[in-house]
Amino acid sequence: MSRGGLLRRFPVLGFRDFRLLLADRLIAPASVGFSIVGVSFAVLKATNSATDLSYVLAAQIAPSLVFALIGGVAADRFPPQRVIVAANLLMALGEGTFGLLVLTSRPPLWAMIGLEAITGTGVAIFYPASQALLPRLVPRALLQEASAIGRMAMNTGQMSGAAVAGLLVAAAGAGWRWSCRCQPCASHRSASACSSR
């Protein structure tokens, strides 16, 4: 389908800021899917314990129970673009440090739990801010279409991120997938910052 045909079929794609947010909604879930696979392999390699793996994954998921609400409040009080950038900085800090530990040493369980809690906090803050930003970027009449396309991008990103991570871990080992994840975080931050203009 040509660009003109695509815009006629999905008029919401004509809005530059929405396209930037759409890129965010593709990249962030892809990096989360990437993270879950890499973390799982890294923890099993370091501890050889399914119980330890459950603690680490719970540490990434648990912040959603608390910080999703705080993220919503923050997105109402501050520009959502800045909240999205802050969330991505948290994810980059947690995942980047985790990756360095996996590549250079045998990380202790407490460090993996703490770093995944930082990552999970970033993830929990990102999603409410992303939702709060959407109505500011598109007309009310196109909001439903924008929401549907955004959700499709998020689901596609998470599935493709997990698939790519599985291939990378199989080919190069668990530690190297973090070096690839830092790039999506950087791109994601850039797109978020652009949509604030």
C-alpha atoms as a PDB file:
ATOM      1  CA  MET A   1       0.000   0.000   0.000  1.00  0.00           C
ATOM      2  CA  SER A   2       1.369   3.434  -0.916  1.00  0.00           C
ATOM      3  CA  ARG A   3       1.932   6.127   1.697  1.00  0.00           C
ATOM      4  CA  GLY A   4      -1.065   8.079   0.395  1.00  0.00           C
ATOM      5  CA  GLY A   5      -3.270   4.988   0.511  1.00  0.00           C
ATOM      6  CA  LEU A   6      -2.095   4.212   4.026  1.00  0.00           C
ATOM      7  CA  LEU A   7      -2.943   7.734   5.175  1.00  0.00           C
ATOM      8  CA  ARG A   8      -6.393   7.531   3.566  1.00  0.00           C
ATOM      9  CA  ARG A   9      -7.049   4.202   5.296  1.00  0.00           C
ATOM     10  CA  PHE A  10      -5.577   5.314   8.644  1.00  0.00           C
ATOM     11  CA  PRO A  11      -5.771   9.129   8.805  1.00  0.00           C
ATOM     12  CA  VAL A  12      -4.307   9.204  12.310  1.00  0.00           C
ATOM     13  CA  LEU A  13      -0.912   8.266  10.820  1.00  0.00           C
ATOM     14  CA  GLY A  14      -0.818  11.715   9.243  1.00  0.00           C
ATOM     15  CA  PHE A  15       0.047  13.232  12.632  1.00  0.00           C
ATOM     16  CA  ARG A  16       3.825  13.351  13.139  1.00  0.00           C
ATOM     17  CA  ASP A  17       3.686  13.324  16.926  1.00  0.00           C
ATOM     18  CA  PHE A  18       1.406  10.287  16.887  1.00  0.00           C
ATOM     19  CA  ARG A  19       3.892   8.466  14.651  1.00  0.00           C
ATOM     20  CA  LEU A  20       6.643   9.235  17.189  1.00  0.00           C
ATOM     21  CA  LEU A  21       4.480   7.909  20.019  1.00  0.00           C
ATOM     22  CA  LEU A  22       3.710   4.845  17.891  1.00  0.00           C
ATOM     23  CA  ALA A  23       7.455   4.238  17.546  1.00  0.00           C
ATOM     24  CA  ASP A  24       7.699   4.483  21.353  1.00  0.00           C
ATOM     25  CA  ARG A  25       4.881   1.997  21.724  1.00  0.00           C
ATOM     26  CA  LEU A  26       6.647  -0.443  19.427  1.00  0.00           C
ATOM     27  CA  ILE A  27      10.157  -0.073  20.873  1.00  0.00           C
ATOM     28  CA  ALA A  28       9.367  -0.082  24.616  1.00  0.00           C
ATOM     29  CA  PRO A  29       7.369  -3.363  24.622  1.00  0.00           C
ATOM     30  CA  ALA A  30       9.964  -4.918  22.321  1.00  0.00           C
ATOM     31  CA  SER A  31      12.661  -4.083  24.838  1.00  0.00           C
ATOM     32  CA  VAL A  32      10.541  -5.476  27.689  1.00  0.00           C
ATOM     33  CA  GLY A  33       9.973  -8.738  25.786  1.00  0.00           C
ATOM     34  CA  PHE A  34      13.697  -8.791  25.044  1.00  0.00           C
ATOM     35  CA  SER A  35      14.439  -8.232  28.730  1.00  0.00           C
ATOM     36  CA  ILE A  36      12.255 -11.013  30.109  1.00  0.00           C
ATOM     37  CA  VAL A  37      13.886 -13.654  27.908  1.00  0.00           C
ATOM     38  CA  GLY A  38      17.428 -12.444  28.592  1.00  0.00           C
ATOM     39  CA  VAL A  39      16.843 -12.123  32.329  1.00  0.00           C
ATOM     40  CA  SER A  40      15.434 -15.623  32.496  1.00  0.00           C
ATOM     41  CA  PHE A  41      18.461 -17.175  30.820  1.00  0.00           C
ATOM     42  CA  ALA A  42      20.908 -15.065  32.815  1.00  0.00           C
ATOM     43  CA  VAL A  43      19.359 -15.922  36.188  1.00  0.00           C
ATOM     44  CA  LEU A  44      19.180 -19.630  35.396  1.00  0.00           C
ATOM     45  CA  LYS A  45      22.796 -19.590  34.286  1.00  0.00           C
ATOM     46  CA  ALA A  46      23.944 -17.692  37.400  1.00  0.00           C
ATOM     47  CA  THR A  47      21.919 -19.585  40.025  1.00  0.00           C
ATOM     48  CA  ASN A  48      20.563 -22.712  38.313  1.00  0.00           C
ATOM     49  CA  SER A  49      17.408 -22.193  40.370  1.00  0.00           C
ATOM     50  CA  ALA A  50      13.845 -21.784  39.133  1.00  0.00           C
ATOM     51  CA  THR A  51      12.937 -20.341  42.547  1.00  0.00           C
ATOM     52  CA  ASP A  52      15.526 -17.571  42.168  1.00  0.00           C
ATOM     53  CA  LEU A  53      14.205 -16.871  38.679  1.00  0.00           C
ATOM     54  CA  SER A  54      10.703 -16.436  40.096  1.00  0.00           C
ATOM     55  CA  TYR A  55      12.036 -13.892  42.643  1.00  0.00           C
ATOM     56  CA  VAL A  56      13.793 -11.874  39.940  1.00  0.00           C
ATOM     57  CA  LEU A  57      10.802 -11.861  37.575  1.00  0.00           C
ATOM     58  CA  ALA A  58       8.475 -10.976  40.452  1.00  0.00           C
ATOM     59  CA  ALA A  59      10.757  -8.024  41.236  1.00  0.00           C
ATOM     60  CA  GLN A  60      10.261  -6.746  37.691  1.00  0.00           C
ATOM     61  CA  ILE A  61       6.481  -7.217  37.748  1.00  0.00           C
ATOM     62  CA  ALA A  62       5.722  -6.113  41.341  1.00  0.00           C
ATOM     63  CA  PRO A  63       6.356  -2.366  40.820  1.00  0.00           C
ATOM     64  CA  SER A  64       3.385  -2.301  38.439  1.00  0.00           C
ATOM     65  CA  LEU A  65       1.103  -2.745  41.437  1.00  0.00           C
ATOM     66  CA  VAL A  66       2.406   0.442  43.058  1.00  0.00           C
ATOM     67  CA  PHE A  67       3.963   2.633  40.414  1.00  0.00           C
ATOM     68  CA  ALA A  68       1.264   2.337  37.749  1.00  0.00           C
ATOM     69  CA  LEU A  69      -0.902   4.582  39.943  1.00  0.00           C
ATOM     70  CA  ILE A  70       1.999   6.920  40.688  1.00  0.00           C
ATOM     71  CA  GLY A  71       2.845   7.008  36.985  1.00  0.00           C
ATOM     72  CA  GLY A  72      -0.717   8.092  36.208  1.00  0.00           C
ATOM     73  CA  VAL A  73      -0.539  10.893  38.777  1.00  0.00           C
ATOM     74  CA  ALA A  74       2.881  11.964  37.480  1.00  0.00           C
ATOM     75  CA  ALA A  75       1.573  12.046  33.892  1.00  0.00           C
ATOM     76  CA  ASP A  76      -1.240  14.364  35.043  1.00  0.00           C
ATOM     77  CA  ARG A  77       1.055  16.692  36.985  1.00  0.00           C
ATOM     78  CA  PHE A  78       4.044  16.793  34.630  1.00  0.00           C
ATOM     79  CA  PRO A  79       4.358  16.720  30.842  1.00  0.00           C
ATOM     80  CA  PRO A  80       3.868  13.046  29.853  1.00  0.00           C
ATOM     81  CA  GLN A  81       6.852  13.272  27.489  1.00  0.00           C
ATOM     82  CA  ARG A  82       9.157  13.955  30.446  1.00  0.00           C
ATOM     83  CA  VAL A  83       7.647  11.113  32.443  1.00  0.00           C
ATOM     84  CA  ILE A  84       8.251   8.770  29.481  1.00  0.00           C
ATOM     85  CA  VAL A  85      11.893   9.905  29.243  1.00  0.00           C
ATOM     86  CA  ALA A  86      12.363   9.403  33.014  1.00  0.00           C
ATOM     87  CA  ALA A  87      10.818   5.927  32.759  1.00  0.00           C
ATOM     88  CA  ASN A  88      13.208   4.996  29.971  1.00  0.00           C
ATOM     89  CA  LEU A  89      16.191   6.252  31.948  1.00  0.00           C
ATOM     90  CA  LEU A  90      15.154   3.938  34.792  1.00  0.00           C
ATOM     91  CA  MET A  91      14.825   1.001  32.389  1.00  0.00           C
ATOM     92  CA  ALA A  92      18.201   1.753  30.794  1.00  0.00           C
ATOM     93  CA  LEU A  93      19.846   2.000  34.242  1.00  0.00           C
ATOM     94  CA  GLY A  94      18.371  -1.280  35.465  1.00  0.00           C
ATOM     95  CA  GLU A  95      18.966  -3.265  32.295  1.00  0.00           C
ATOM     96  CA  GLY A  96      22.342  -1.748  31.448  1.00  0.00           C
ATOM     97  CA  THR A  97      23.753  -2.485  34.895  1.00  0.00           C
ATOM     98  CA  PHE A  98      22.261  -5.982  34.865  1.00  0.00           C
ATOM     99  CA  GLY A  99      23.880  -6.639  31.503  1.00  0.00           C
ATOM    100  CA  LEU A 100      27.280  -5.413  32.657  1.00  0.00           C
ATOM    101  CA  LEU A 101      27.111  -7.650  35.721  1.00  0.00           C
ATOM    102  CA  VAL A 102      26.157 -10.680  33.631  1.00  0.00           C
ATOM    103  CA  LEU A 103      28.940 -10.012  31.119  1.00  0.00           C
ATOM    104  CA  THR A 104      31.688  -9.340  33.670  1.00  0.00           C
ATOM    105  CA  SER A 105      30.891 -11.494  36.695  1.00  0.00           C
ATOM    106  CA  ARG A 106      28.442 -13.852  38.347  1.00  0.00           C
ATOM    107  CA  PRO A 107      25.847 -11.416  39.737  1.00  0.00           C
ATOM    108  CA  PRO A 108      24.430 -12.094  43.200  1.00  0.00           C
ATOM    109  CA  LEU A 109      20.710 -12.745  43.530  1.00  0.00           C
ATOM    110  CA  TRP A 110      20.066  -9.557  45.546  1.00  0.00           C
ATOM    111  CA  ALA A 111      21.625  -7.416  42.781  1.00  0.00           C
ATOM    112  CA  MET A 112      19.510  -9.052  40.073  1.00  0.00           C
ATOM    113  CA  ILE A 113      16.349  -8.558  42.139  1.00  0.00           C
ATOM    114  CA  GLY A 114      17.174  -4.897  42.825  1.00  0.00           C
ATOM    115  CA  LEU A 115      18.029  -4.097  39.217  1.00  0.00           C
ATOM    116  CA  GLU A 116      14.893  -5.754  37.888  1.00  0.00           C
ATOM    117  CA  ALA A 117      12.842  -3.770  40.416  1.00  0.00           C
ATOM    118  CA  ILE A 118      14.344  -0.584  38.916  1.00  0.00           C
ATOM    119  CA  THR A 119      13.480  -1.799  35.420  1.00  0.00           C
ATOM    120  CA  GLY A 120       9.964  -2.732  36.490  1.00  0.00           C
ATOM    121  CA  THR A 121       9.465   0.717  37.993  1.00  0.00           C
ATOM    122  CA  GLY A 122      10.370   2.294  34.669  1.00  0.00           C
ATOM    123  CA  VAL A 123       7.974   0.001  32.815  1.00  0.00           C
ATOM    124  CA  ALA A 124       5.164   0.740  35.283  1.00  0.00           C
ATOM    125  CA  ILE A 125       5.630   4.509  34.923  1.00  0.00           C
ATOM    126  CA  PHE A 126       5.906   4.413  31.126  1.00  0.00           C
ATOM    127  CA  TYR A 127       2.495   2.960  30.253  1.00  0.00           C
ATOM    128  CA  PRO A 128       0.230   5.455  32.095  1.00  0.00           C
ATOM    129  CA  ALA A 129       2.271   8.354  30.723  1.00  0.00           C
ATOM    130  CA  SER A 130       1.974   6.943  27.208  1.00  0.00           C
ATOM    131  CA  GLN A 131      -1.807   6.691  27.604  1.00  0.00           C
ATOM    132  CA  ALA A 132      -2.027  10.240  28.973  1.00  0.00           C
ATOM    133  CA  LEU A 133      -0.092  11.591  26.003  1.00  0.00           C
ATOM    134  CA  LEU A 134      -2.290  10.045  23.299  1.00  0.00           C
ATOM    135  CA  PRO A 135      -5.341  12.386  23.596  1.00  0.00           C
ATOM    136  CA  ARG A 136      -2.998  15.383  23.342  1.00  0.00           C
ATOM    137  CA  LEU A 137      -1.644  14.247  19.986  1.00  0.00           C
ATOM    138  CA  VAL A 138      -4.717  13.330  17.938  1.00  0.00           C
ATOM    139  CA  PRO A 139      -8.221  14.796  17.452  1.00  0.00           C
ATOM    140  CA  ARG A 140     -10.995  13.267  19.532  1.00  0.00           C
ATOM    141  CA  ALA A 141     -12.610  11.745  16.423  1.00  0.00           C
ATOM    142  CA  LEU A 142      -9.458   9.702  15.732  1.00  0.00           C
ATOM    143  CA  LEU A 143      -8.761   8.665  19.310  1.00  0.00           C
ATOM    144  CA  GLN A 144     -10.273   5.179  18.992  1.00  0.00           C
ATOM    145  CA  GLU A 145      -8.293   4.464  15.822  1.00  0.00           C
ATOM    146  CA  ALA A 146      -5.104   5.785  17.436  1.00  0.00           C
ATOM    147  CA  SER A 147      -5.644   3.637  20.514  1.00  0.00           C
ATOM    148  CA  ALA A 148      -6.225   0.487  18.438  1.00  0.00           C
ATOM    149  CA  ILE A 149      -3.120   1.057  16.301  1.00  0.00           C
ATOM    150  CA  GLY A 150      -1.068   1.841  19.400  1.00  0.00           C
ATOM    151  CA  ARG A 151      -2.188  -1.360  21.125  1.00  0.00           C
ATOM    152  CA  MET A 152      -1.379  -3.396  18.016  1.00  0.00           C
ATOM    153  CA  ALA A 153       2.107  -1.852  17.935  1.00  0.00           C
ATOM    154  CA  MET A 154       2.663  -2.695  21.615  1.00  0.00           C
ATOM    155  CA  ASN A 155       1.618  -6.336  21.180  1.00  0.00           C
ATOM    156  CA  THR A 156       3.712  -6.702  18.028  1.00  0.00           C
ATOM    157  CA  GLY A 157       6.700  -5.153  19.780  1.00  0.00           C
ATOM    158  CA  GLN A 158       6.526  -7.420  22.807  1.00  0.00           C
ATOM    159  CA  MET A 159       6.206 -10.605  20.741  1.00  0.00           C
ATOM    160  CA  SER A 160       8.961  -9.671  18.297  1.00  0.00           C
ATOM    161  CA  GLY A 161      11.269  -8.519  21.113  1.00  0.00           C
ATOM    162  CA  ALA A 162      10.928 -11.862  22.898  1.00  0.00           C
ATOM    163  CA  ALA A 163      11.526 -13.776  19.648  1.00  0.00           C
ATOM    164  CA  VAL A 164      14.647 -11.790  18.765  1.00  0.00           C
ATOM    165  CA  ALA A 165      15.974 -12.162  22.327  1.00  0.00           C
ATOM    166  CA  GLY A 166      15.547 -15.929  22.168  1.00  0.00           C
ATOM    167  CA  LEU A 167      17.543 -16.067  18.940  1.00  0.00           C
ATOM    168  CA  LEU A 168      20.247 -13.778  20.323  1.00  0.00           C
ATOM    169  CA  VAL A 169      20.590 -15.700  23.582  1.00  0.00           C
ATOM    170  CA  ALA A 170      20.841 -18.971  21.647  1.00  0.00           C
ATOM    171  CA  ALA A 171      23.509 -17.529  19.344  1.00  0.00           C
ATOM    172  CA  ALA A 172      25.606 -15.345  21.671  1.00  0.00           C
ATOM    173  CA  GLY A 173      24.633 -15.925  25.314  1.00  0.00           C
ATOM    174  CA  ALA A 174      22.439 -14.111  27.819  1.00  0.00           C
ATOM    175  CA  GLY A 175      24.760 -11.196  28.622  1.00  0.00           C
ATOM    176  CA  TRP A 176      25.027  -9.833  25.090  1.00  0.00           C
ATOM    177  CA  ARG A 177      21.326  -9.159  24.694  1.00  0.00           C
ATOM    178  CA  TRP A 178      21.674  -6.136  27.036  1.00  0.00           C
ATOM    179  CA  SER A 179      24.015  -4.381  24.661  1.00  0.00           C
ATOM    180  CA  CYS A 180      21.293  -4.654  22.025  1.00  0.00           C
ATOM    181  CA  ARG A 181      18.609  -3.473  24.442  1.00  0.00           C
ATOM    182  CA  CYS A 182      20.403  -0.216  25.199  1.00  0.00           C
ATOM    183  CA  GLN A 183      19.892   0.900  21.587  1.00  0.00           C
ATOM    184  CA  PRO A 184      16.078   0.583  21.731  1.00  0.00           C
ATOM    185  CA  CYS A 185      16.110   2.559  24.998  1.00  0.00           C
ATOM    186  CA  ALA A 186      18.130   5.339  23.387  1.00  0.00           C
ATOM    187  CA  SER A 187      15.871   5.435  20.325  1.00  0.00           C
ATOM    188  CA  HIS A 188      12.816   5.367  22.532  1.00  0.00           C
ATOM    189  CA  ARG A 189      14.068   8.312  24.587  1.00  0.00           C
ATOM    190  CA  SER A 190      14.792  10.268  21.420  1.00  0.00           C
ATOM    191  CA  ALA A 191      11.322   9.666  20.022  1.00  0.00           C
ATOM    192  CA  SER A 192       9.749  10.666  23.336  1.00  0.00           C
ATOM    193  CA  ALA A 193      11.762  13.865  23.430  1.00  0.00           C
ATOM    194  CA  CYS A 194      10.835  14.694  19.819  1.00  0.00           C
ATOM    195  CA  SER A 195       7.135  14.372  20.533  1.00  0.00           C
ATOM    196  CA  SER A 196       7.485  17.034  23.230  1.00  0.00           C
ATOM    197  CA  ARG A 197       8.313  19.681  20.625  1.00  0.00           C
END
